[in-house]
Amino acid sequence: MTLPTFRGASTWTNGTGAITNTPHASTATGDLMLLIVETRATQSTGTPSGWTQVTGSPQDSGAAGLTETRLAVYWKIATAPEGAVSIADSGDHQQAVILSYAGAIGIDASVGGITTPATTSFSIGGVTTTTPDCMVVDVITQSASGTQAWGSWANANLSSLVERFDTGGGGSVTAGIAANEGGKASAGATGATTVTNSVSTTAAWMKIALASQAAAVATGHSFAAVIG
């Protein structure tokens, strides 16, 4: 059986008004896409047309303010061609990126949480996967300024950890988004993922296990059983 594989990350977009974001050019029909949106706490862009919010989303680190952050993650199976996604104005700012994965059929398991008060060390909680060969994606947003501030990702239960996205702090947006992934060959507990930031910040996070299409077919799981 085969783990889902990373296709690519879209170009990061941000602004104080409505924005758009277009999937990576290599995204193909049947790929699973994760749309990651960060805003100021308590402010929502709503669910973009055609997308489904991942279970456990959104995560909100507190009362609205410059020291807080809100994370929302949505998923969709790509059809060709995939155009730009419209993301509404939440009130203060919004930023977004889309990660695309080949060979993923749905969401096996997901969980979210927040880290507050501000710190430089974080733990992204674990989930228990129900199918083998899941690709486990950790997503975290920060309230403090700092481009490419995340590092030292660690989880002994996941293989081949690799950071796929880390940016922010540009233009009118002082917050940031980061994403990391690792494989889970056998079904079971992923454990927590630890990560550090070079600046002290509050954070909102999610762990999302992408179900392998090949594994789901081989183990008799239906599509509906693995979409979360």
C-alpha atoms as a PDB file:
ATOM      1  CA  MET A   1       0.000   0.000   0.000  1.00  0.00           C
ATOM      2  CA  THR A   2       1.042   3.601  -0.541  1.00  0.00           C
ATOM      3  CA  LEU A   3       1.060   6.789   1.497  1.00  0.00           C
ATOM      4  CA  PRO A   4      -0.513   9.899  -0.020  1.00  0.00           C
ATOM      5  CA  THR A   5       2.151  12.103  -1.579  1.00  0.00           C
ATOM      6  CA  PHE A   6       2.613  15.868  -1.506  1.00  0.00           C
ATOM      7  CA  ARG A   7       1.931  17.636  -4.808  1.00  0.00           C
ATOM      8  CA  GLY A   8       2.728  21.179  -3.781  1.00  0.00           C
ATOM      9  CA  ALA A   9       1.753  24.313  -1.893  1.00  0.00           C
ATOM     10  CA  SER A  10       0.041  27.283  -3.456  1.00  0.00           C
ATOM     11  CA  THR A  11       1.499  30.765  -3.303  1.00  0.00           C
ATOM     12  CA  TRP A  12       0.688  32.352   0.067  1.00  0.00           C
ATOM     13  CA  THR A  13      -1.862  35.153  -0.212  1.00  0.00           C
ATOM     14  CA  ASN A  14      -2.880  37.721   2.393  1.00  0.00           C
ATOM     15  CA  GLY A  15      -4.647  41.014   2.799  1.00  0.00           C
ATOM     16  CA  THR A  16      -6.963  43.236   4.813  1.00  0.00           C
ATOM     17  CA  GLY A  17      -9.817  42.621   2.385  1.00  0.00           C
ATOM     18  CA  ALA A  18     -11.175  39.615   0.518  1.00  0.00           C
ATOM     19  CA  ILE A  19      -8.459  37.485  -1.107  1.00  0.00           C
ATOM     20  CA  THR A  20      -8.150  34.598  -3.558  1.00  0.00           C
ATOM     21  CA  ASN A  21      -5.829  31.601  -3.538  1.00  0.00           C
ATOM     22  CA  THR A  22      -5.108  29.210  -6.408  1.00  0.00           C
ATOM     23  CA  PRO A  23      -3.948  25.586  -5.891  1.00  0.00           C
ATOM     24  CA  HIS A  24      -0.405  24.643  -6.923  1.00  0.00           C
ATOM     25  CA  ALA A  25      -0.068  24.198 -10.689  1.00  0.00           C
ATOM     26  CA  SER A  26       0.738  20.485 -10.305  1.00  0.00           C
ATOM     27  CA  THR A  27      -2.609  19.761  -8.585  1.00  0.00           C
ATOM     28  CA  ALA A  28      -4.429  17.057 -10.557  1.00  0.00           C
ATOM     29  CA  THR A  29      -7.960  15.697 -10.718  1.00  0.00           C
ATOM     30  CA  GLY A  30      -8.583  13.475  -7.691  1.00  0.00           C
ATOM     31  CA  ASP A  31      -6.005  15.139  -5.442  1.00  0.00           C
ATOM     32  CA  LEU A  32      -7.081  16.071  -1.934  1.00  0.00           C
ATOM     33  CA  MET A  33      -6.588  19.748  -1.178  1.00  0.00           C
ATOM     34  CA  LEU A  34      -6.333  21.387   2.249  1.00  0.00           C
ATOM     35  CA  LEU A  35      -7.192  25.092   2.358  1.00  0.00           C
ATOM     36  CA  ILE A  36      -5.608  26.699   5.431  1.00  0.00           C
ATOM     37  CA  VAL A  37      -6.946  30.103   6.484  1.00  0.00           C
ATOM     38  CA  GLU A  38      -5.665  32.303   9.343  1.00  0.00           C
ATOM     39  CA  THR A  39      -7.505  35.367  10.660  1.00  0.00           C
ATOM     40  CA  ARG A  40      -7.598  37.419  13.827  1.00  0.00           C
ATOM     41  CA  ALA A  41      -9.356  35.615  16.684  1.00  0.00           C
ATOM     42  CA  THR A  42     -13.188  35.525  16.618  1.00  0.00           C
ATOM     43  CA  GLN A  43     -13.247  36.626  12.947  1.00  0.00           C
ATOM     44  CA  SER A  44     -14.416  34.210  10.244  1.00  0.00           C
ATOM     45  CA  THR A  45     -14.242  34.228   6.452  1.00  0.00           C
ATOM     46  CA  GLY A  46     -16.989  31.588   6.257  1.00  0.00           C
ATOM     47  CA  THR A  47     -16.662  28.340   4.298  1.00  0.00           C
ATOM     48  CA  PRO A  48     -15.597  28.929   0.683  1.00  0.00           C
ATOM     49  CA  SER A  49     -17.981  27.577  -1.943  1.00  0.00           C
ATOM     50  CA  GLY A  50     -17.393  23.912  -2.749  1.00  0.00           C
ATOM     51  CA  TRP A  51     -15.211  23.218   0.294  1.00  0.00           C
ATOM     52  CA  THR A  52     -15.918  21.263   3.520  1.00  0.00           C
ATOM     53  CA  GLN A  53     -14.611  22.279   6.922  1.00  0.00           C
ATOM     54  CA  VAL A  54     -12.369  19.661   8.543  1.00  0.00           C
ATOM     55  CA  THR A  55     -13.708  18.227  11.813  1.00  0.00           C
ATOM     56  CA  GLY A  56     -12.093  20.141  14.691  1.00  0.00           C
ATOM     57  CA  SER A  57     -11.922  23.390  12.724  1.00  0.00           C
ATOM     58  CA  PRO A  58     -11.954  26.255  13.524  1.00  0.00           C
ATOM     59  CA  GLN A  59      -9.565  26.777  16.413  1.00  0.00           C
ATOM     60  CA  ASP A  60      -9.494  30.203  18.046  1.00  0.00           C
ATOM     61  CA  SER A  61      -6.908  31.320  20.597  1.00  0.00           C
ATOM     62  CA  GLY A  62      -9.009  33.933  22.346  1.00  0.00           C
ATOM     63  CA  ALA A  63     -10.704  37.320  22.302  1.00  0.00           C
ATOM     64  CA  ALA A  64     -10.125  39.440  19.220  1.00  0.00           C
ATOM     65  CA  GLY A  65      -6.812  41.246  19.317  1.00  0.00           C
ATOM     66  CA  LEU A  66      -3.374  41.488  17.791  1.00  0.00           C
ATOM     67  CA  THR A  67      -2.053  38.856  20.208  1.00  0.00           C
ATOM     68  CA  GLU A  68      -4.548  36.153  19.145  1.00  0.00           C
ATOM     69  CA  THR A  69      -5.116  33.949  16.078  1.00  0.00           C
ATOM     70  CA  ARG A  70      -7.827  31.835  14.443  1.00  0.00           C
ATOM     71  CA  LEU A  71      -7.198  28.770  12.274  1.00  0.00           C
ATOM     72  CA  ALA A  72      -9.727  27.244   9.875  1.00  0.00           C
ATOM     73  CA  VAL A  73      -8.995  24.293   7.562  1.00  0.00           C
ATOM     74  CA  TYR A  74     -11.168  23.089   4.681  1.00  0.00           C
ATOM     75  CA  TRP A  75     -10.802  20.157   2.285  1.00  0.00           C
ATOM     76  CA  LYS A  76     -11.892  19.275  -1.226  1.00  0.00           C
ATOM     77  CA  ILE A  77     -11.171  16.658  -3.888  1.00  0.00           C
ATOM     78  CA  ALA A  78      -9.779  18.448  -6.935  1.00  0.00           C
ATOM     79  CA  THR A  79     -11.501  18.492 -10.291  1.00  0.00           C
ATOM     80  CA  ALA A  80      -9.885  19.851 -13.428  1.00  0.00           C
ATOM     81  CA  PRO A  81      -9.340  22.652 -13.807  1.00  0.00           C
ATOM     82  CA  GLU A  82      -9.180  24.033 -10.260  1.00  0.00           C
ATOM     83  CA  GLY A  83      -9.451  27.810 -10.294  1.00  0.00           C
ATOM     84  CA  ALA A  84      -8.885  30.447  -7.642  1.00  0.00           C
ATOM     85  CA  VAL A  85     -10.706  30.089  -4.317  1.00  0.00           C
ATOM     86  CA  SER A  86     -12.496  33.210  -3.066  1.00  0.00           C
ATOM     87  CA  ILE A  87     -11.930  33.929   0.631  1.00  0.00           C
ATOM     88  CA  ALA A  88     -14.148  36.610   2.156  1.00  0.00           C
ATOM     89  CA  ASP A  89     -13.081  39.551   4.304  1.00  0.00           C
ATOM     90  CA  SER A  90     -13.214  38.501   7.970  1.00  0.00           C
ATOM     91  CA  GLY A  91     -12.854  42.039   9.284  1.00  0.00           C
ATOM     92  CA  ASP A  92      -9.180  42.572  10.087  1.00  0.00           C
ATOM     93  CA  HIS A  93      -6.950  40.370   7.923  1.00  0.00           C
ATOM     94  CA  GLN A  94      -6.914  36.974   6.246  1.00  0.00           C
ATOM     95  CA  GLN A  95      -4.141  34.810   4.852  1.00  0.00           C
ATOM     96  CA  ALA A  96      -4.319  31.454   3.089  1.00  0.00           C
ATOM     97  CA  VAL A  97      -2.421  28.609   1.474  1.00  0.00           C
ATOM     98  CA  ILE A  98      -3.562  25.374  -0.203  1.00  0.00           C
ATOM     99  CA  LEU A  99      -1.668  22.080   0.170  1.00  0.00           C
ATOM    100  CA  SER A 100      -2.378  19.385  -2.452  1.00  0.00           C
ATOM    101  CA  TYR A 101      -1.906  15.614  -1.977  1.00  0.00           C
ATOM    102  CA  ALA A 102      -2.119  12.774  -4.505  1.00  0.00           C
ATOM    103  CA  GLY A 103      -3.510   9.386  -3.470  1.00  0.00           C
ATOM    104  CA  ALA A 104      -5.624  10.672  -0.554  1.00  0.00           C
ATOM    105  CA  ILE A 105      -9.311   9.792  -0.455  1.00  0.00           C
ATOM    106  CA  GLY A 106     -10.494  11.740   2.599  1.00  0.00           C
ATOM    107  CA  ILE A 107      -9.857  12.664   6.224  1.00  0.00           C
ATOM    108  CA  ASP A 108      -9.272   9.621   8.452  1.00  0.00           C
ATOM    109  CA  ALA A 109      -9.058  11.586  11.728  1.00  0.00           C
ATOM    110  CA  SER A 110      -8.479  15.151  12.877  1.00  0.00           C
ATOM    111  CA  VAL A 111      -8.123  17.179  16.054  1.00  0.00           C
ATOM    112  CA  GLY A 112      -7.498  20.799  16.932  1.00  0.00           C
ATOM    113  CA  GLY A 113      -6.506  22.967  19.859  1.00  0.00           C
ATOM    114  CA  ILE A 114      -4.937  26.211  20.986  1.00  0.00           C
ATOM    115  CA  THR A 115      -1.804  27.183  22.894  1.00  0.00           C
ATOM    116  CA  THR A 116      -2.103  30.181  25.197  1.00  0.00           C
ATOM    117  CA  PRO A 117      -0.560  32.187  26.846  1.00  0.00           C
ATOM    118  CA  ALA A 118       2.288  32.989  24.498  1.00  0.00           C
ATOM    119  CA  THR A 119       5.274  30.645  24.461  1.00  0.00           C
ATOM    120  CA  THR A 120       8.019  29.367  22.137  1.00  0.00           C
ATOM    121  CA  SER A 121       7.347  25.617  22.613  1.00  0.00           C
ATOM    122  CA  PHE A 122       4.234  23.862  21.307  1.00  0.00           C
ATOM    123  CA  SER A 123       2.603  20.424  21.306  1.00  0.00           C
ATOM    124  CA  ILE A 124       0.152  19.541  18.529  1.00  0.00           C
ATOM    125  CA  GLY A 125      -2.088  16.824  19.969  1.00  0.00           C
ATOM    126  CA  GLY A 126      -2.461  13.306  18.598  1.00  0.00           C
ATOM    127  CA  VAL A 127      -5.206  11.348  16.838  1.00  0.00           C
ATOM    128  CA  THR A 128      -5.874   7.636  16.387  1.00  0.00           C
ATOM    129  CA  THR A 129      -6.003   6.652  12.730  1.00  0.00           C
ATOM    130  CA  THR A 130      -8.366   3.874  11.588  1.00  0.00           C
ATOM    131  CA  THR A 131      -6.652   2.962   8.305  1.00  0.00           C
ATOM    132  CA  PRO A 132      -2.981   2.266   7.476  1.00  0.00           C
ATOM    133  CA  ASP A 133      -0.719   4.488   5.393  1.00  0.00           C
ATOM    134  CA  CYS A 134      -2.115   7.844   6.480  1.00  0.00           C
ATOM    135  CA  MET A 135      -0.261  11.049   5.751  1.00  0.00           C
ATOM    136  CA  VAL A 136      -0.486  13.095   8.940  1.00  0.00           C
ATOM    137  CA  VAL A 137      -0.432  16.870   8.434  1.00  0.00           C
ATOM    138  CA  ASP A 138       0.250  19.244  11.339  1.00  0.00           C
ATOM    139  CA  VAL A 139      -0.899  22.844  10.826  1.00  0.00           C
ATOM    140  CA  ILE A 140      -0.226  25.733  13.193  1.00  0.00           C
ATOM    141  CA  THR A 141      -0.836  29.494  13.066  1.00  0.00           C
ATOM    142  CA  GLN A 142       0.887  32.173  15.109  1.00  0.00           C
ATOM    143  CA  SER A 143      -0.232  35.567  16.318  1.00  0.00           C
ATOM    144  CA  ALA A 144       3.237  37.138  16.547  1.00  0.00           C
ATOM    145  CA  SER A 145       5.253  38.419  13.620  1.00  0.00           C
ATOM    146  CA  GLY A 146       7.958  36.157  12.265  1.00  0.00           C
ATOM    147  CA  THR A 147       8.541  34.783   8.777  1.00  0.00           C
ATOM    148  CA  GLN A 148       9.744  31.144   8.691  1.00  0.00           C
ATOM    149  CA  ALA A 149       9.792  31.083  12.479  1.00  0.00           C
ATOM    150  CA  TRP A 150       8.875  27.417  13.058  1.00  0.00           C
ATOM    151  CA  GLY A 151      11.374  24.576  13.497  1.00  0.00           C
ATOM    152  CA  SER A 152      12.501  21.458  15.376  1.00  0.00           C
ATOM    153  CA  TRP A 153       9.391  19.459  14.404  1.00  0.00           C
ATOM    154  CA  ALA A 154       9.441  16.076  16.168  1.00  0.00           C
ATOM    155  CA  ASN A 155       7.171  13.023  16.445  1.00  0.00           C
ATOM    156  CA  ALA A 156       8.671   9.566  16.965  1.00  0.00           C
ATOM    157  CA  ASN A 157       5.463   7.893  15.735  1.00  0.00           C
ATOM    158  CA  LEU A 158       5.600   9.482  12.273  1.00  0.00           C
ATOM    159  CA  SER A 159       8.088   8.765   9.505  1.00  0.00           C
ATOM    160  CA  SER A 160       9.958  11.176   7.244  1.00  0.00           C
ATOM    161  CA  LEU A 161       8.857  14.425   8.895  1.00  0.00           C
ATOM    162  CA  VAL A 162       9.146  17.358   6.515  1.00  0.00           C
ATOM    163  CA  GLU A 163       8.030  20.978   6.760  1.00  0.00           C
ATOM    164  CA  ARG A 164       5.882  21.886   3.745  1.00  0.00           C
ATOM    165  CA  PHE A 165       5.035  25.499   4.465  1.00  0.00           C
ATOM    166  CA  ASP A 166       6.202  28.291   6.763  1.00  0.00           C
ATOM    167  CA  THR A 167       5.542  31.929   6.040  1.00  0.00           C
ATOM    168  CA  GLY A 168       3.771  35.068   7.210  1.00  0.00           C
ATOM    169  CA  GLY A 169       4.533  38.455   8.610  1.00  0.00           C
ATOM    170  CA  GLY A 170       4.327  40.178   5.246  1.00  0.00           C
ATOM    171  CA  GLY A 171       2.500  43.327   4.249  1.00  0.00           C
ATOM    172  CA  SER A 172      -0.406  44.123   6.554  1.00  0.00           C
ATOM    173  CA  VAL A 173      -0.398  40.645   8.140  1.00  0.00           C
ATOM    174  CA  THR A 174       1.834  40.062  11.153  1.00  0.00           C
ATOM    175  CA  ALA A 175       0.689  36.484  11.847  1.00  0.00           C
ATOM    176  CA  GLY A 176       1.850  33.313  10.112  1.00  0.00           C
ATOM    177  CA  ILE A 177       1.018  29.762   8.993  1.00  0.00           C
ATOM    178  CA  ALA A 178       3.172  26.625   9.072  1.00  0.00           C
ATOM    179  CA  ALA A 179       2.526  23.016   8.031  1.00  0.00           C
ATOM    180  CA  ASN A 180       4.487  19.818   8.520  1.00  0.00           C
ATOM    181  CA  GLU A 181       3.782  16.202   7.532  1.00  0.00           C
ATOM    182  CA  GLY A 182       4.806  12.652   8.398  1.00  0.00           C
ATOM    183  CA  GLY A 183       3.692   9.143   7.480  1.00  0.00           C
ATOM    184  CA  LYS A 184       1.776   6.696   9.722  1.00  0.00           C
ATOM    185  CA  ALA A 185       2.184   3.227   8.181  1.00  0.00           C
ATOM    186  CA  SER A 186      -0.021   1.348  10.629  1.00  0.00           C
ATOM    187  CA  ALA A 187      -3.387   2.369  12.042  1.00  0.00           C
ATOM    188  CA  GLY A 188      -3.247   3.661  15.619  1.00  0.00           C
ATOM    189  CA  ALA A 189      -2.191   6.563  17.813  1.00  0.00           C
ATOM    190  CA  THR A 190      -0.034   9.234  16.188  1.00  0.00           C
ATOM    191  CA  GLY A 191       1.011  10.850  19.452  1.00  0.00           C
ATOM    192  CA  ALA A 192       1.687  14.567  19.711  1.00  0.00           C
ATOM    193  CA  THR A 193       4.012  16.541  17.457  1.00  0.00           C
ATOM    194  CA  THR A 194       6.282  19.083  19.109  1.00  0.00           C
ATOM    195  CA  VAL A 195       7.550  22.230  17.421  1.00  0.00           C
ATOM    196  CA  THR A 196       9.252  25.463  18.443  1.00  0.00           C
ATOM    197  CA  ASN A 197       8.981  29.059  17.325  1.00  0.00           C
ATOM    198  CA  SER A 198      11.709  31.683  17.330  1.00  0.00           C
ATOM    199  CA  VAL A 199       9.308  34.211  18.871  1.00  0.00           C
ATOM    200  CA  SER A 200       6.899  33.918  21.779  1.00  0.00           C
ATOM    201  CA  THR A 201       3.351  33.641  20.483  1.00  0.00           C
ATOM    202  CA  THR A 202      -0.083  32.196  21.046  1.00  0.00           C
ATOM    203  CA  ALA A 203      -1.103  29.569  18.487  1.00  0.00           C
ATOM    204  CA  ALA A 204      -3.992  27.611  17.014  1.00  0.00           C
ATOM    205  CA  TRP A 205      -3.264  24.164  15.613  1.00  0.00           C
ATOM    206  CA  MET A 206      -4.717  21.078  13.944  1.00  0.00           C
ATOM    207  CA  LYS A 207      -3.544  17.538  13.217  1.00  0.00           C
ATOM    208  CA  ILE A 208      -5.162  16.036  10.096  1.00  0.00           C
ATOM    209  CA  ALA A 209      -4.633  12.412   8.997  1.00  0.00           C
ATOM    210  CA  LEU A 210      -5.219  11.957   5.270  1.00  0.00           C
ATOM    211  CA  ALA A 211      -6.562   8.508   4.371  1.00  0.00           C
ATOM    212  CA  SER A 212      -4.727   6.646   1.616  1.00  0.00           C
ATOM    213  CA  GLN A 213      -6.949   5.692  -1.300  1.00  0.00           C
ATOM    214  CA  ALA A 214      -4.976   2.486  -1.862  1.00  0.00           C
ATOM    215  CA  ALA A 215      -5.185   1.504   1.807  1.00  0.00           C
ATOM    216  CA  ALA A 216      -8.890   2.286   2.046  1.00  0.00           C
ATOM    217  CA  VAL A 217      -9.624   0.047  -0.930  1.00  0.00           C
ATOM    218  CA  ALA A 218      -7.378  -2.763   0.340  1.00  0.00           C
ATOM    219  CA  THR A 219      -8.930  -2.757   3.819  1.00  0.00           C
ATOM    220  CA  GLY A 220     -12.526  -2.446   2.634  1.00  0.00           C
ATOM    221  CA  HIS A 221     -13.183   1.059   3.985  1.00  0.00           C
ATOM    222  CA  SER A 222     -15.782   2.957   1.994  1.00  0.00           C
ATOM    223  CA  PHE A 223     -15.290   6.592   1.019  1.00  0.00           C
ATOM    224  CA  ALA A 224     -17.919   7.683   3.545  1.00  0.00           C
ATOM    225  CA  ALA A 225     -16.091   5.824   6.318  1.00  0.00           C
ATOM    226  CA  VAL A 226     -12.917   7.847   6.022  1.00  0.00           C
ATOM    227  CA  ILE A 227     -13.953  11.414   5.272  1.00  0.00           C
ATOM    228  CA  GLY A 228     -14.233  12.396   8.947  1.00  0.00           C
END
